Each structure stands twice: as C-alpha cells, then as structure tokens.
Protein backbone atom coordinates (compact mmCIF):
# COMPACT_ATOMS: atom_id res chain seq x y z
CA MET A 1 51.04 -25.59 -6.51
CA GLN A 2 54.55 -23.85 -5.59
CA ALA A 3 56.83 -25.43 -3.29
CA ILE A 4 57.63 -23.56 0.04
CA LYS A 5 61.40 -22.65 0.10
CA ASN A 6 63.16 -22.86 3.56
CA PRO A 7 66.18 -20.46 4.01
CA CYS A 8 69.58 -22.26 4.26
CA PHE A 9 72.51 -20.80 6.18
CA LEU A 10 76.18 -21.52 6.44
CA SER A 11 77.55 -20.37 9.80
CA VAL A 12 80.61 -18.16 9.79
CA ALA A 13 81.86 -21.01 12.47
CA SER A 14 81.97 -23.37 9.57
CA CYS A 15 84.02 -21.10 7.16
CA TRP A 16 86.39 -20.26 10.05
CA GLU A 17 86.97 -24.10 10.58
CA MET A 18 87.47 -24.48 6.86
CA ALA A 19 89.92 -21.78 6.73
CA ILE A 20 91.97 -23.52 9.68
CA LYS A 21 91.81 -26.87 7.82
CA ILE A 22 92.95 -25.47 4.75
CA GLY A 23 95.97 -23.74 6.61
CA ILE A 24 96.99 -26.84 8.18
CA GLY A 25 96.63 -28.97 4.90
CA LYS A 26 93.49 -31.29 5.89
CA LEU A 27 91.24 -29.54 3.44
CA ARG A 28 91.69 -28.63 -0.30
CA LEU A 29 89.07 -26.66 -2.22
CA PRO A 30 88.98 -26.10 -6.09
CA ALA A 31 89.47 -22.36 -5.52
CA VAL A 32 90.84 -20.12 -2.75
CA ILE A 33 88.24 -19.81 0.12
CA GLU A 34 87.49 -16.30 -0.53
CA LYS A 35 86.23 -17.17 -3.99
CA PHE A 36 84.84 -20.51 -3.50
CA VAL A 37 82.62 -19.83 -0.49
CA PRO A 38 80.81 -16.63 -2.00
CA ASP A 39 80.48 -18.59 -5.17
CA GLN A 40 78.89 -21.46 -3.72
CA LEU A 41 76.55 -19.30 -1.30
CA ALA A 42 75.34 -17.57 -4.44
CA ALA A 43 74.96 -20.63 -6.60
CA ASN A 44 72.97 -22.42 -3.96
CA GLY A 45 70.99 -19.63 -2.39
CA ILE A 46 72.76 -20.09 1.06
CA GLU A 47 73.00 -17.18 3.43
CA LEU A 48 76.03 -16.53 5.67
CA LEU A 49 74.88 -16.67 9.24
CA PRO A 50 77.26 -14.31 11.21
CA ILE A 51 78.36 -15.07 14.59
CA ASN A 52 77.14 -12.55 17.34
CA PHE A 53 77.92 -12.17 21.07
CA LEU A 54 74.67 -14.03 22.34
CA ASP A 55 75.71 -17.01 19.89
CA ALA A 56 79.30 -16.99 21.50
CA ALA A 57 77.84 -16.43 25.04
CA GLY A 58 75.32 -19.33 24.61
CA VAL A 59 78.15 -21.83 24.38
CA ALA A 60 78.71 -21.32 28.28
CA ASN A 61 75.32 -22.92 29.02
CA LEU A 62 75.70 -26.10 26.88
CA ASP A 63 76.24 -29.24 28.61
CA ARG A 64 79.72 -31.01 27.52
CA HIS A 65 78.21 -33.57 25.14
CA HIS A 66 80.25 -32.38 22.31
CA GLY A 67 83.80 -31.07 22.64
CA ASP A 68 84.33 -29.70 19.19
CA PRO A 69 84.22 -25.70 19.67
CA PHE A 70 82.87 -24.99 16.30
CA ASP A 71 80.09 -27.40 16.62
CA ARG A 72 79.26 -26.14 20.12
CA LEU A 73 79.01 -22.52 18.43
CA ILE A 74 76.83 -23.90 15.84
CA ILE A 75 74.68 -25.84 18.25
CA SER A 76 74.15 -22.51 20.10
CA GLN A 77 73.25 -20.65 17.07
CA ALA A 78 70.72 -23.34 15.92
CA LEU A 79 69.10 -23.18 19.38
CA ARG A 80 68.90 -19.48 19.51
CA ASN A 81 67.51 -19.37 15.98
CA ASP A 82 65.39 -22.25 15.89
CA LEU A 83 67.46 -23.88 13.02
CA VAL A 84 67.86 -27.24 11.75
CA ILE A 85 71.26 -28.60 11.44
CA ALA A 86 72.40 -30.60 8.45
CA SER A 87 75.07 -32.98 9.89
CA ALA A 88 75.65 -36.64 10.41
CA ASP A 89 76.94 -35.94 13.72
CA ARG A 90 74.18 -37.66 16.15
CA VAL A 91 75.57 -35.90 19.30
CA PHE A 92 73.56 -32.99 18.16
CA ALA A 93 70.31 -34.45 19.29
CA LYS A 94 71.56 -34.40 22.98
CA TYR A 95 71.11 -30.92 22.87
CA GLY A 96 67.68 -30.95 21.32
CA VAL A 97 68.85 -29.35 17.98
CA LYS A 98 66.84 -30.64 14.93
CA ARG A 99 69.11 -32.32 12.41
CA VAL A 100 68.64 -33.72 9.04
CA TRP A 101 71.12 -36.13 7.20
C-alpha cells in the first residue's frame, strides 16, 4: 500500500520574516537566502505559498489574539486555504487553525 502524500507549503510571509531577521543579525543560514530557501524547498518537496490580496485583506477580520504580523498573515492563509500550520505557537488554535507540533 502506497502512503498518501500531503502537500507542504512555505509561506512567502515566512521568507520575508527570515530575510528581515538575517538583515538585523538575528538569523544566520548556511548559505545566502536566495540559494538556501529554493534549495531546501526542492530537497524537501515543499511548495512556496504566495501572498495574494485576499490573504492580506483577511488579516483585517482576525481577532487580536496574536500581535505578530507575519503569523497573522500565515493564519489568514491557513484559514482561506484550509491548511494545517506546523508551529509550536498555541495561539494559532484561538483562530480555529489546525496546528501540528
């Protein structure tokens, strides 16, 4: 019996947050982000999840349980696309988002 593979996504919001943290010295990667992220996506079968207008606009309808703008955008994307978030942050559950970790 063959295992069913669920698609995995990395939000562009996470890439944006990584780039900011690299720029301020809070994150170091083993290669430049322009190489590291695409290489890791390809090696792990992960798709890049773009940010669209409705993802961004959906943030306006979220309660203020979470103050991090990147996480709020990821929550909006998860709700709109019925995605499960891989995160240790328990605040995601307050939005009704499915979470593993």
